[in-house]
């Protein structure tokens, strides 16, 4: 049986938005030179427009890795310009301790 921590671990690592004002500025002029609205970016990324709106207002700070990659891909910047990985990169799995086996 999985522990409560394992059951709640996200399938993908979380990424924290580093600067919401930078996201807003980058939306005004993407890598293609075009601007994107909240709804436009959300549509391109495949998330609810509330997700993008909440990132911009600070109500939401984290997104899963695929969403962070998609936002940066649409805007045209490297991932680490806007986001930083948060916490563990993988789920905790019960593994035997190597030191205990020796």
N, C-alpha and C. Protein backbone atom coordinates (compact mmCIF):
# COMPACT_ATOMS: atom_id res chain seq x y z
N UNK A 1 0.84 -1.18 0.00
CA UNK A 1 0.00 0.00 0.00
C UNK A 1 0.89 1.25 0.00
N UNK A 2 0.54 2.23 -0.81
CA UNK A 2 1.33 3.45 -0.94
C UNK A 2 1.11 4.35 0.27
N UNK A 3 2.17 5.04 0.66
CA UNK A 3 2.04 6.00 1.75
C UNK A 3 1.28 7.21 1.25
N UNK A 4 0.73 8.05 2.14
CA UNK A 4 0.03 9.26 1.71
C UNK A 4 0.90 10.18 0.86
N UNK A 5 2.21 10.24 1.16
CA UNK A 5 3.11 11.08 0.37
C UNK A 5 3.21 10.58 -1.06
N UNK A 6 3.26 9.28 -1.23
CA UNK A 6 3.37 8.71 -2.57
C UNK A 6 2.09 8.94 -3.36
N UNK A 7 0.95 8.80 -2.73
CA UNK A 7 -0.32 8.94 -3.42
C UNK A 7 -0.53 10.35 -3.92
N UNK A 8 0.05 11.35 -3.26
CA UNK A 8 -0.16 12.74 -3.63
C UNK A 8 0.97 13.30 -4.48
N UNK A 9 2.00 12.51 -4.75
CA UNK A 9 3.12 13.01 -5.54
C UNK A 9 2.67 13.27 -6.97
N UNK A 10 3.02 14.44 -7.53
CA UNK A 10 2.62 14.72 -8.90
C UNK A 10 3.34 13.82 -9.88
N UNK A 11 2.70 13.54 -11.01
CA UNK A 11 3.30 12.70 -12.03
C UNK A 11 4.48 13.42 -12.67
N UNK A 12 4.44 14.74 -12.68
CA UNK A 12 5.52 15.55 -13.25
C UNK A 12 6.01 16.51 -12.18
N UNK A 13 7.29 16.86 -12.24
CA UNK A 13 7.79 17.85 -11.28
C UNK A 13 7.10 19.19 -11.47
N UNK A 14 7.06 19.96 -10.41
CA UNK A 14 6.47 21.29 -10.47
C UNK A 14 7.54 22.31 -10.81
N UNK A 15 7.11 23.35 -11.52
CA UNK A 15 7.99 24.46 -11.86
C UNK A 15 7.37 25.74 -11.35
N UNK A 16 8.18 26.57 -10.72
CA UNK A 16 7.71 27.83 -10.14
C UNK A 16 8.01 28.98 -11.10
N UNK A 17 7.00 29.81 -11.33
CA UNK A 17 7.18 31.01 -12.13
C UNK A 17 8.08 31.97 -11.36
N UNK A 18 9.16 32.41 -11.99
CA UNK A 18 10.14 33.26 -11.30
C UNK A 18 9.72 34.72 -11.26
N UNK A 19 9.09 35.22 -12.31
CA UNK A 19 8.78 36.64 -12.39
C UNK A 19 7.53 36.84 -13.24
N UNK A 20 6.41 37.10 -12.59
CA UNK A 20 5.15 37.24 -13.33
C UNK A 20 5.13 38.47 -14.22
N UNK A 21 5.83 39.53 -13.84
CA UNK A 21 5.88 40.71 -14.70
C UNK A 21 6.70 40.42 -15.96
N UNK A 22 7.70 39.56 -15.86
CA UNK A 22 8.46 39.16 -17.05
C UNK A 22 7.57 38.35 -17.98
N UNK A 23 6.76 37.46 -17.43
CA UNK A 23 5.81 36.70 -18.25
C UNK A 23 4.90 37.67 -19.01
N UNK A 24 4.38 38.66 -18.32
CA UNK A 24 3.50 39.64 -18.96
C UNK A 24 4.22 40.39 -20.08
N UNK A 25 5.46 40.80 -19.81
CA UNK A 25 6.23 41.52 -20.84
C UNK A 25 6.51 40.63 -22.04
N UNK A 26 6.84 39.38 -21.80
CA UNK A 26 7.12 38.45 -22.89
C UNK A 26 5.86 38.14 -23.70
N UNK A 27 4.72 38.16 -23.05
CA UNK A 27 3.46 37.96 -23.77
C UNK A 27 3.17 39.13 -24.70
N UNK A 28 3.65 40.33 -24.34
CA UNK A 28 3.44 41.51 -25.18
C UNK A 28 4.24 41.43 -26.47
N UNK A 29 5.36 40.74 -26.42
CA UNK A 29 6.18 40.58 -27.62
C UNK A 29 6.88 39.23 -27.54
N UNK A 30 6.30 38.24 -28.20
CA UNK A 30 6.85 36.89 -28.16
C UNK A 30 8.05 36.80 -29.09
N UNK A 31 8.63 35.63 -29.18
CA UNK A 31 9.77 35.40 -30.05
C UNK A 31 9.49 35.68 -31.51
N UNK A 32 8.22 35.61 -31.91
CA UNK A 32 7.85 35.90 -33.30
C UNK A 32 7.55 37.38 -33.50
N UNK A 33 7.53 38.14 -32.42
CA UNK A 33 7.20 39.56 -32.50
C UNK A 33 5.73 39.85 -32.27
N UNK A 34 4.92 38.81 -32.22
CA UNK A 34 3.48 38.96 -32.00
C UNK A 34 3.20 39.08 -30.50
N UNK A 35 2.04 39.62 -30.17
CA UNK A 35 1.61 39.65 -28.77
C UNK A 35 0.58 38.55 -28.55
N UNK A 36 0.47 38.13 -27.31
CA UNK A 36 -0.49 37.09 -26.93
C UNK A 36 -1.34 37.57 -25.77
N UNK A 37 -2.63 37.35 -25.86
CA UNK A 37 -3.53 37.61 -24.75
C UNK A 37 -3.48 36.43 -23.79
N UNK A 38 -4.09 36.58 -22.65
CA UNK A 38 -4.19 35.48 -21.69
C UNK A 38 -4.89 34.30 -22.35
N UNK A 39 -6.02 34.56 -22.97
CA UNK A 39 -6.77 33.49 -23.64
C UNK A 39 -5.99 32.89 -24.80
N UNK A 40 -5.27 33.73 -25.53
CA UNK A 40 -4.48 33.24 -26.66
C UNK A 40 -3.37 32.31 -26.21
N UNK A 41 -2.65 32.71 -25.17
CA UNK A 41 -1.58 31.86 -24.65
C UNK A 41 -2.15 30.57 -24.09
N UNK A 42 -3.23 30.69 -23.35
CA UNK A 42 -3.86 29.49 -22.77
C UNK A 42 -4.29 28.52 -23.87
N UNK A 43 -4.86 29.05 -24.93
CA UNK A 43 -5.30 28.21 -26.04
C UNK A 43 -4.12 27.51 -26.70
N UNK A 44 -3.04 28.24 -26.93
CA UNK A 44 -1.84 27.67 -27.55
C UNK A 44 -1.20 26.60 -26.67
N UNK A 45 -1.23 26.83 -25.36
CA UNK A 45 -0.60 25.91 -24.41
C UNK A 45 -1.50 24.71 -24.12
N UNK A 46 -2.82 24.92 -24.21
CA UNK A 46 -3.76 23.84 -23.92
C UNK A 46 -4.17 23.77 -22.46
N UNK A 47 -4.22 24.95 -21.81
CA UNK A 47 -4.67 25.02 -20.42
C UNK A 47 -5.83 26.00 -20.32
N UNK A 48 -6.51 26.01 -19.20
CA UNK A 48 -7.59 26.96 -18.97
C UNK A 48 -7.01 28.37 -18.89
N UNK A 49 -7.76 29.35 -19.39
CA UNK A 49 -7.24 30.72 -19.34
C UNK A 49 -7.03 31.19 -17.90
N UNK A 50 -7.76 30.60 -16.96
CA UNK A 50 -7.57 30.93 -15.55
C UNK A 50 -6.17 30.57 -15.06
N UNK A 51 -5.57 29.55 -15.62
CA UNK A 51 -4.21 29.16 -15.23
C UNK A 51 -3.23 30.28 -15.56
N UNK A 52 -3.33 30.81 -16.78
CA UNK A 52 -2.43 31.89 -17.19
C UNK A 52 -2.75 33.16 -16.39
N UNK A 53 -4.03 33.46 -16.25
CA UNK A 53 -4.44 34.64 -15.47
C UNK A 53 -3.95 34.56 -14.04
N UNK A 54 -4.07 33.39 -13.44
CA UNK A 54 -3.63 33.22 -12.05
C UNK A 54 -2.12 33.31 -11.92
N UNK A 55 -1.37 32.85 -12.92
CA UNK A 55 0.08 33.03 -12.89
C UNK A 55 0.43 34.51 -12.93
N UNK A 56 -0.29 35.26 -13.75
CA UNK A 56 0.00 36.69 -13.90
C UNK A 56 -0.37 37.50 -12.66
N UNK A 57 -1.39 37.07 -11.93
CA UNK A 57 -1.80 37.81 -10.73
C UNK A 57 -1.07 37.32 -9.47
N UNK A 58 -0.41 36.20 -9.55
CA UNK A 58 0.27 35.64 -8.39
C UNK A 58 -0.58 34.70 -7.58
N UNK A 59 -1.82 34.47 -7.99
CA UNK A 59 -2.68 33.52 -7.27
C UNK A 59 -2.17 32.10 -7.43
N UNK A 60 -1.44 31.84 -8.50
CA UNK A 60 -0.84 30.54 -8.75
C UNK A 60 0.63 30.78 -9.04
N UNK A 61 1.49 29.99 -8.42
CA UNK A 61 2.93 30.13 -8.63
C UNK A 61 3.55 28.96 -9.36
N UNK A 62 2.87 27.82 -9.35
CA UNK A 62 3.46 26.59 -9.87
C UNK A 62 2.63 26.00 -10.99
N UNK A 63 3.32 25.36 -11.93
CA UNK A 63 2.68 24.55 -12.97
C UNK A 63 3.49 23.27 -13.11
N UNK A 64 2.89 22.26 -13.71
CA UNK A 64 3.63 21.02 -13.95
C UNK A 64 4.60 21.24 -15.11
N UNK A 65 5.59 20.40 -15.17
CA UNK A 65 6.66 20.54 -16.15
C UNK A 65 6.18 20.70 -17.59
N UNK A 66 5.26 19.86 -18.08
CA UNK A 66 4.83 20.03 -19.47
C UNK A 66 4.19 21.39 -19.75
N UNK A 67 3.48 21.93 -18.78
CA UNK A 67 2.86 23.25 -18.95
C UNK A 67 3.92 24.33 -18.99
N UNK A 68 4.92 24.25 -18.13
CA UNK A 68 6.01 25.23 -18.14
C UNK A 68 6.74 25.20 -19.48
N UNK A 69 7.02 24.00 -19.98
CA UNK A 69 7.69 23.87 -21.28
C UNK A 69 6.81 24.46 -22.40
N UNK A 70 5.53 24.18 -22.34
CA UNK A 70 4.63 24.66 -23.39
C UNK A 70 4.53 26.18 -23.38
N UNK A 71 4.42 26.79 -22.20
CA UNK A 71 4.36 28.25 -22.11
C UNK A 71 5.61 28.86 -22.73
N UNK A 72 6.77 28.34 -22.35
CA UNK A 72 8.02 28.88 -22.86
C UNK A 72 8.17 28.63 -24.36
N UNK A 73 7.70 27.49 -24.82
CA UNK A 73 7.76 27.19 -26.24
C UNK A 73 6.92 28.15 -27.07
N UNK A 74 5.72 28.45 -26.59
CA UNK A 74 4.83 29.37 -27.31
C UNK A 74 5.40 30.78 -27.29
N UNK A 75 5.93 31.19 -26.16
CA UNK A 75 6.48 32.54 -26.04
C UNK A 75 7.82 32.67 -26.76
N UNK A 76 8.57 31.58 -26.80
CA UNK A 76 9.85 31.59 -27.49
C UNK A 76 11.04 31.91 -26.62
N UNK A 77 11.02 31.42 -25.36
CA UNK A 77 12.16 31.60 -24.46
C UNK A 77 12.55 30.26 -23.86
N UNK A 78 13.77 30.19 -23.36
CA UNK A 78 14.22 28.98 -22.66
C UNK A 78 13.45 28.82 -21.36
N UNK A 79 13.25 27.59 -20.96
CA UNK A 79 12.48 27.27 -19.75
C UNK A 79 12.99 28.01 -18.52
N UNK A 80 14.29 28.02 -18.31
CA UNK A 80 14.84 28.58 -17.07
C UNK A 80 14.82 30.11 -17.03
N UNK A 81 14.39 30.75 -18.10
CA UNK A 81 14.18 32.20 -18.09
C UNK A 81 12.96 32.53 -17.23
N UNK A 82 11.92 31.70 -17.32
CA UNK A 82 10.67 31.97 -16.62
C UNK A 82 10.40 31.07 -15.42
N UNK A 83 10.92 29.87 -15.44
CA UNK A 83 10.56 28.89 -14.41
C UNK A 83 11.78 28.24 -13.79
N UNK A 84 11.62 27.80 -12.54
CA UNK A 84 12.65 27.04 -11.83
C UNK A 84 12.01 25.77 -11.29
N UNK A 85 12.72 24.64 -11.41
CA UNK A 85 12.17 23.40 -10.86
C UNK A 85 12.02 23.51 -9.34
N UNK A 86 10.99 22.90 -8.82
CA UNK A 86 10.69 22.98 -7.40
C UNK A 86 10.60 21.58 -6.82
N UNK A 87 11.34 21.33 -5.77
CA UNK A 87 11.24 20.06 -5.07
C UNK A 87 11.93 18.93 -5.81
N UNK A 88 11.51 17.73 -5.49
CA UNK A 88 12.10 16.52 -6.05
C UNK A 88 11.74 16.38 -7.53
N UNK A 89 12.65 15.84 -8.28
CA UNK A 89 12.42 15.63 -9.71
C UNK A 89 11.64 14.35 -9.97
N UNK A 90 11.64 13.42 -9.03
CA UNK A 90 10.93 12.16 -9.23
C UNK A 90 10.13 11.83 -7.98
N UNK A 91 9.19 10.95 -8.15
CA UNK A 91 8.42 10.47 -7.00
C UNK A 91 9.32 9.67 -6.08
N UNK A 92 8.97 9.69 -4.80
CA UNK A 92 9.67 8.86 -3.84
C UNK A 92 9.18 7.43 -4.01
N UNK A 93 10.10 6.52 -4.18
CA UNK A 93 9.75 5.11 -4.33
C UNK A 93 10.46 4.36 -3.20
N UNK A 94 9.73 3.47 -2.57
CA UNK A 94 10.36 2.68 -1.51
C UNK A 94 11.43 1.79 -2.12
N UNK A 95 12.66 2.09 -1.81
CA UNK A 95 13.80 1.33 -2.31
C UNK A 95 14.60 0.83 -1.12
N UNK A 96 15.13 -0.35 -1.22
CA UNK A 96 15.97 -0.83 -0.12
C UNK A 96 17.21 0.05 0.00
N UNK A 97 17.61 0.29 1.21
CA UNK A 97 18.81 1.09 1.44
C UNK A 97 20.04 0.26 1.14
N UNK A 98 20.88 0.78 0.30
CA UNK A 98 22.07 0.05 -0.10
C UNK A 98 23.00 -0.17 1.09
N UNK A 99 23.15 0.80 1.96
CA UNK A 99 24.04 0.67 3.11
C UNK A 99 23.55 -0.43 4.05
N UNK A 100 22.23 -0.59 4.16
CA UNK A 100 21.68 -1.61 5.05
C UNK A 100 21.89 -3.00 4.50
N UNK A 101 22.08 -3.13 3.20
CA UNK A 101 22.26 -4.44 2.60
C UNK A 101 23.70 -4.91 2.67
N UNK A 102 24.62 -4.02 2.93
CA UNK A 102 26.04 -4.40 2.95
C UNK A 102 26.47 -4.92 4.26
